[in-house]
């Protein structure tokens, strides 16, 4: 599995932790994906469409043999399996899976844009990403993640909900 990707996960409908746990497990079960690391789980204020419940968010690192497009297809399929409906832009959702980074590549097609086009504007993405890899950089961005986060106005709306204790990502979901 020669490729490294970072995927953001979010949920604000129903049993939010169940949806995150189930998505991580579904990704890990895929023969071409191995979940290598994960952040703590954060409870976050909604961004964009704010008249909705708070989200649980996290970021995972995966090693994958899949192309970025095949990985995207897997994430879309998992969203559908867990009832994702796209009715309101930035609206409530059972599950949202976004590929943030794939290796250090720049990809821009109608179907897929990597790095994720709004990731540098979102504390709920960058804070967990920084937690799992503090040396990571965004392609074509010279600033360190910590400096970008310092400038973001919504960082106070990102609070640890369940702290990762250095164990694997699945330990976050055990009682």
C-alpha atoms as a PDB file:
ATOM      1  CA  UNK A   1       0.000   0.000   0.000  1.00  0.00           C
ATOM      2  CA  UNK A   2       2.149   2.748  -1.343  1.00  0.00           C
ATOM      3  CA  UNK A   3      -0.140   5.794  -1.027  1.00  0.00           C
ATOM      4  CA  UNK A   4      -0.943   7.872   2.046  1.00  0.00           C
ATOM      5  CA  UNK A   5      -4.227   9.763   2.254  1.00  0.00           C
ATOM      6  CA  UNK A   6      -5.925  11.825   4.934  1.00  0.00           C
ATOM      7  CA  UNK A   7      -9.699  11.650   5.240  1.00  0.00           C
ATOM      8  CA  UNK A   8     -11.939  13.958   7.294  1.00  0.00           C
ATOM      9  CA  UNK A   9     -15.031  12.408   8.858  1.00  0.00           C
ATOM     10  CA  UNK A  10     -18.035  14.261  10.213  1.00  0.00           C
ATOM     11  CA  UNK A  11     -21.543  13.550  11.479  1.00  0.00           C
ATOM     12  CA  UNK A  12     -24.294  15.591  13.110  1.00  0.00           C
ATOM     13  CA  UNK A  13     -27.394  13.416  12.804  1.00  0.00           C
ATOM     14  CA  UNK A  14     -28.421  10.490  14.968  1.00  0.00           C
ATOM     15  CA  UNK A  15     -25.723   8.548  16.807  1.00  0.00           C
ATOM     16  CA  UNK A  16     -22.787  10.615  15.593  1.00  0.00           C
ATOM     17  CA  UNK A  17     -20.110   8.436  17.219  1.00  0.00           C
ATOM     18  CA  UNK A  18     -21.692   5.306  15.691  1.00  0.00           C
ATOM     19  CA  UNK A  19     -21.436   6.810  12.209  1.00  0.00           C
ATOM     20  CA  UNK A  20     -17.778   7.783  12.691  1.00  0.00           C
ATOM     21  CA  UNK A  21     -16.883   4.374  14.141  1.00  0.00           C
ATOM     22  CA  UNK A  22     -18.743   2.548  11.394  1.00  0.00           C
ATOM     23  CA  UNK A  23     -17.075   4.594   8.646  1.00  0.00           C
ATOM     24  CA  UNK A  24     -13.584   4.016  10.057  1.00  0.00           C
ATOM     25  CA  UNK A  25     -14.316   0.274  10.322  1.00  0.00           C
ATOM     26  CA  UNK A  26     -15.744   0.138   6.773  1.00  0.00           C
ATOM     27  CA  UNK A  27     -12.671   1.868   5.369  1.00  0.00           C
ATOM     28  CA  UNK A  28     -10.370  -0.449   7.315  1.00  0.00           C
ATOM     29  CA  UNK A  29     -12.239  -3.557   6.099  1.00  0.00           C
ATOM     30  CA  UNK A  30     -11.665  -2.604   2.473  1.00  0.00           C
ATOM     31  CA  UNK A  31      -8.884  -4.766   1.031  1.00  0.00           C
ATOM     32  CA  UNK A  32      -7.113  -1.755  -0.492  1.00  0.00           C
ATOM     33  CA  UNK A  33      -7.213   0.493   2.591  1.00  0.00           C
ATOM     34  CA  UNK A  34      -5.434   0.267   5.936  1.00  0.00           C
ATOM     35  CA  UNK A  35      -6.250   2.839   8.642  1.00  0.00           C
ATOM     36  CA  UNK A  36      -2.870   3.798  10.112  1.00  0.00           C
ATOM     37  CA  UNK A  37      -3.739   6.642  12.473  1.00  0.00           C
ATOM     38  CA  UNK A  38      -6.579   8.796  13.706  1.00  0.00           C
ATOM     39  CA  UNK A  39      -7.150  11.970  15.647  1.00  0.00           C
ATOM     40  CA  UNK A  40      -9.190  12.546  18.751  1.00  0.00           C
ATOM     41  CA  UNK A  41     -12.883  13.137  18.139  1.00  0.00           C
ATOM     42  CA  UNK A  42     -13.903  16.784  18.245  1.00  0.00           C
ATOM     43  CA  UNK A  43     -17.310  18.326  18.747  1.00  0.00           C
ATOM     44  CA  UNK A  44     -17.607  21.307  16.451  1.00  0.00           C
ATOM     45  CA  UNK A  45     -19.976  24.129  15.726  1.00  0.00           C
ATOM     46  CA  UNK A  46     -21.535  23.988  12.265  1.00  0.00           C
ATOM     47  CA  UNK A  47     -19.944  26.120   9.537  1.00  0.00           C
ATOM     48  CA  UNK A  48     -21.770  27.583   6.552  1.00  0.00           C
ATOM     49  CA  UNK A  49     -25.341  26.543   7.309  1.00  0.00           C
ATOM     50  CA  UNK A  50     -25.357  27.176  11.072  1.00  0.00           C
ATOM     51  CA  UNK A  51     -28.987  26.300  11.911  1.00  0.00           C
ATOM     52  CA  UNK A  52     -28.203  22.670  12.734  1.00  0.00           C
ATOM     53  CA  UNK A  53     -26.809  20.451  15.493  1.00  0.00           C
ATOM     54  CA  UNK A  54     -23.128  20.288  16.415  1.00  0.00           C
ATOM     55  CA  UNK A  55     -20.879  17.883  14.537  1.00  0.00           C
ATOM     56  CA  UNK A  56     -18.473  15.218  15.652  1.00  0.00           C
ATOM     57  CA  UNK A  57     -15.358  15.411  13.484  1.00  0.00           C
ATOM     58  CA  UNK A  58     -12.072  13.594  13.188  1.00  0.00           C
ATOM     59  CA  UNK A  59      -9.340  12.902  10.644  1.00  0.00           C
ATOM     60  CA  UNK A  60      -7.751   9.564   9.817  1.00  0.00           C
ATOM     61  CA  UNK A  61      -4.620   8.647   7.934  1.00  0.00           C
ATOM     62  CA  UNK A  62      -4.835   5.671   5.598  1.00  0.00           C
ATOM     63  CA  UNK A  63      -2.357   3.696   3.555  1.00  0.00           C
ATOM     64  CA  UNK A  64      -3.966   2.626   0.327  1.00  0.00           C
ATOM     65  CA  UNK A  65      -3.293   0.783  -2.885  1.00  0.00           C
ATOM     66  CA  UNK A  66      -6.254   2.600  -4.451  1.00  0.00           C
ATOM     67  CA  UNK A  67      -6.018   5.507  -6.845  1.00  0.00           C
ATOM     68  CA  UNK A  68      -7.460   8.768  -5.520  1.00  0.00           C
ATOM     69  CA  UNK A  69     -10.543   8.246  -7.711  1.00  0.00           C
ATOM     70  CA  UNK A  70     -11.113   4.698  -6.465  1.00  0.00           C
ATOM     71  CA  UNK A  71     -10.686   5.916  -2.870  1.00  0.00           C
ATOM     72  CA  UNK A  72     -13.220   8.670  -3.569  1.00  0.00           C
ATOM     73  CA  UNK A  73     -15.667   6.065  -4.898  1.00  0.00           C
ATOM     74  CA  UNK A  74     -15.256   4.024  -1.704  1.00  0.00           C
ATOM     75  CA  UNK A  75     -15.898   7.075   0.509  1.00  0.00           C
ATOM     76  CA  UNK A  76     -19.018   7.986  -1.492  1.00  0.00           C
ATOM     77  CA  UNK A  77     -20.318   4.420  -1.249  1.00  0.00           C
ATOM     78  CA  UNK A  78     -19.810   4.387   2.531  1.00  0.00           C
ATOM     79  CA  UNK A  79     -21.662   7.708   2.872  1.00  0.00           C
ATOM     80  CA  UNK A  80     -24.575   6.220   0.924  1.00  0.00           C
ATOM     81  CA  UNK A  81     -24.579   3.035   3.025  1.00  0.00           C
ATOM     82  CA  UNK A  82     -25.084   5.175   6.117  1.00  0.00           C
ATOM     83  CA  UNK A  83     -27.916   7.243   4.698  1.00  0.00           C
ATOM     84  CA  UNK A  84     -26.137  10.391   3.536  1.00  0.00           C
ATOM     85  CA  UNK A  85     -28.583  12.759   1.845  1.00  0.00           C
ATOM     86  CA  UNK A  86     -27.422  15.861  -0.031  1.00  0.00           C
ATOM     87  CA  UNK A  87     -30.390  18.189   0.395  1.00  0.00           C
ATOM     88  CA  UNK A  88     -28.878  21.361   1.849  1.00  0.00           C
ATOM     89  CA  UNK A  89     -25.369  22.570   1.086  1.00  0.00           C
ATOM     90  CA  UNK A  90     -23.313  22.204   4.281  1.00  0.00           C
ATOM     91  CA  UNK A  91     -26.495  20.899   5.896  1.00  0.00           C
ATOM     92  CA  UNK A  92     -27.070  18.097   8.381  1.00  0.00           C
ATOM     93  CA  UNK A  93     -25.683  14.697   7.504  1.00  0.00           C
ATOM     94  CA  UNK A  94     -25.352  11.244   8.969  1.00  0.00           C
ATOM     95  CA  UNK A  95     -21.861  10.971   7.539  1.00  0.00           C
ATOM     96  CA  UNK A  96     -19.440  13.075   5.546  1.00  0.00           C
ATOM     97  CA  UNK A  97     -16.136  11.695   4.261  1.00  0.00           C
ATOM     98  CA  UNK A  98     -13.746  14.074   2.512  1.00  0.00           C
ATOM     99  CA  UNK A  99     -10.347  13.172   1.096  1.00  0.00           C
ATOM    100  CA  UNK A 100      -8.146  16.016   2.279  1.00  0.00           C
ATOM    101  CA  UNK A 101      -4.784  14.933   0.926  1.00  0.00           C
ATOM    102  CA  UNK A 102      -3.484  12.104  -1.228  1.00  0.00           C
ATOM    103  CA  UNK A 103       0.289  11.767  -1.066  1.00  0.00           C
ATOM    104  CA  UNK A 104       1.438  15.290  -1.877  1.00  0.00           C
ATOM    105  CA  UNK A 105      -0.529  15.441  -5.104  1.00  0.00           C
ATOM    106  CA  UNK A 106      -2.622  18.155  -6.698  1.00  0.00           C
ATOM    107  CA  UNK A 107      -5.675  16.805  -8.493  1.00  0.00           C
ATOM    108  CA  UNK A 108      -8.335  18.981 -10.055  1.00  0.00           C
ATOM    109  CA  UNK A 109     -11.171  17.365 -11.962  1.00  0.00           C
ATOM    110  CA  UNK A 110     -14.939  17.822 -11.987  1.00  0.00           C
ATOM    111  CA  UNK A 111     -15.274  14.798  -9.704  1.00  0.00           C
ATOM    112  CA  UNK A 112     -12.416  15.327  -7.306  1.00  0.00           C
ATOM    113  CA  UNK A 113     -10.208  18.144  -6.051  1.00  0.00           C
ATOM    114  CA  UNK A 114      -7.211  17.352  -3.823  1.00  0.00           C
ATOM    115  CA  UNK A 115      -6.105  19.005  -1.610  1.00  0.00           C
ATOM    116  CA  UNK A 116      -9.671  19.533  -0.468  1.00  0.00           C
ATOM    117  CA  UNK A 117     -10.486  23.046  -1.671  1.00  0.00           C
ATOM    118  CA  UNK A 118     -11.737  24.460   1.660  1.00  0.00           C
ATOM    119  CA  UNK A 119      -9.553  22.562   4.111  1.00  0.00           C
ATOM    120  CA  UNK A 120      -7.304  25.566   4.903  1.00  0.00           C
ATOM    121  CA  UNK A 121     -10.416  27.541   5.939  1.00  0.00           C
ATOM    122  CA  UNK A 122     -11.719  24.967   8.410  1.00  0.00           C
ATOM    123  CA  UNK A 123     -10.412  24.558  11.925  1.00  0.00           C
ATOM    124  CA  UNK A 124     -12.520  21.407  12.366  1.00  0.00           C
ATOM    125  CA  UNK A 125     -10.352  19.821   9.660  1.00  0.00           C
ATOM    126  CA  UNK A 126      -6.930  21.312  10.383  1.00  0.00           C
ATOM    127  CA  UNK A 127      -6.896  20.825  14.174  1.00  0.00           C
ATOM    128  CA  UNK A 128      -7.384  17.021  14.000  1.00  0.00           C
ATOM    129  CA  UNK A 129      -5.075  16.833  10.967  1.00  0.00           C
ATOM    130  CA  UNK A 130      -2.331  18.639  12.892  1.00  0.00           C
ATOM    131  CA  UNK A 131      -2.881  16.269  15.827  1.00  0.00           C
ATOM    132  CA  UNK A 132      -2.052  13.181  13.779  1.00  0.00           C
ATOM    133  CA  UNK A 133       0.771  14.689  11.718  1.00  0.00           C
ATOM    134  CA  UNK A 134       2.315  17.934  12.931  1.00  0.00           C
ATOM    135  CA  UNK A 135       4.849  17.990  10.074  1.00  0.00           C
ATOM    136  CA  UNK A 136       2.311  17.724   7.298  1.00  0.00           C
ATOM    137  CA  UNK A 137       2.056  20.467   4.705  1.00  0.00           C
ATOM    138  CA  UNK A 138      -0.623  21.280   2.188  1.00  0.00           C
ATOM    139  CA  UNK A 139       0.649  21.187  -1.399  1.00  0.00           C
ATOM    140  CA  UNK A 140       1.299  24.700  -2.764  1.00  0.00           C
ATOM    141  CA  UNK A 141       0.926  26.247   0.710  1.00  0.00           C
ATOM    142  CA  UNK A 142       4.162  27.352   2.340  1.00  0.00           C
ATOM    143  CA  UNK A 143       2.756  27.969   5.832  1.00  0.00           C
ATOM    144  CA  UNK A 144       2.792  25.316   8.552  1.00  0.00           C
ATOM    145  CA  UNK A 145      -0.620  24.000   9.614  1.00  0.00           C
ATOM    146  CA  UNK A 146      -0.292  25.571  13.073  1.00  0.00           C
ATOM    147  CA  UNK A 147       0.122  29.039  11.547  1.00  0.00           C
ATOM    148  CA  UNK A 148      -2.927  28.575   9.333  1.00  0.00           C
ATOM    149  CA  UNK A 149      -4.980  27.424  12.340  1.00  0.00           C
ATOM    150  CA  UNK A 150      -3.906  30.469  14.372  1.00  0.00           C
ATOM    151  CA  UNK A 151      -5.565  32.738  11.791  1.00  0.00           C
ATOM    152  CA  UNK A 152      -8.875  30.857  11.617  1.00  0.00           C
ATOM    153  CA  UNK A 153     -11.831  32.563  13.318  1.00  0.00           C
ATOM    154  CA  UNK A 154     -13.718  29.312  14.021  1.00  0.00           C
ATOM    155  CA  UNK A 155     -11.030  27.511  16.067  1.00  0.00           C
ATOM    156  CA  UNK A 156     -12.866  28.198  19.342  1.00  0.00           C
ATOM    157  CA  UNK A 157     -15.772  26.164  17.953  1.00  0.00           C
ATOM    158  CA  UNK A 158     -13.603  23.009  17.888  1.00  0.00           C
ATOM    159  CA  UNK A 159     -13.544  21.162  21.232  1.00  0.00           C
ATOM    160  CA  UNK A 160     -12.159  17.738  22.125  1.00  0.00           C
ATOM    161  CA  UNK A 161     -15.091  15.365  22.608  1.00  0.00           C
ATOM    162  CA  UNK A 162     -13.108  12.160  23.107  1.00  0.00           C
ATOM    163  CA  UNK A 163      -9.338  12.340  23.531  1.00  0.00           C
ATOM    164  CA  UNK A 164      -7.104   9.848  21.786  1.00  0.00           C
ATOM    165  CA  UNK A 165      -4.620   8.398  24.283  1.00  0.00           C
ATOM    166  CA  UNK A 166      -1.912   7.312  21.870  1.00  0.00           C
ATOM    167  CA  UNK A 167      -3.721   4.075  21.101  1.00  0.00           C
ATOM    168  CA  UNK A 168      -5.019   3.084  17.710  1.00  0.00           C
ATOM    169  CA  UNK A 169      -8.016   4.891  16.271  1.00  0.00           C
ATOM    170  CA  UNK A 170     -10.404   2.048  17.132  1.00  0.00           C
ATOM    171  CA  UNK A 171      -9.696   2.481  20.850  1.00  0.00           C
ATOM    172  CA  UNK A 172     -11.570   5.801  20.670  1.00  0.00           C
ATOM    173  CA  UNK A 173     -14.801   3.933  20.171  1.00  0.00           C
ATOM    174  CA  UNK A 174     -14.406   1.313  22.882  1.00  0.00           C
ATOM    175  CA  UNK A 175     -16.271   1.900  26.119  1.00  0.00           C
END
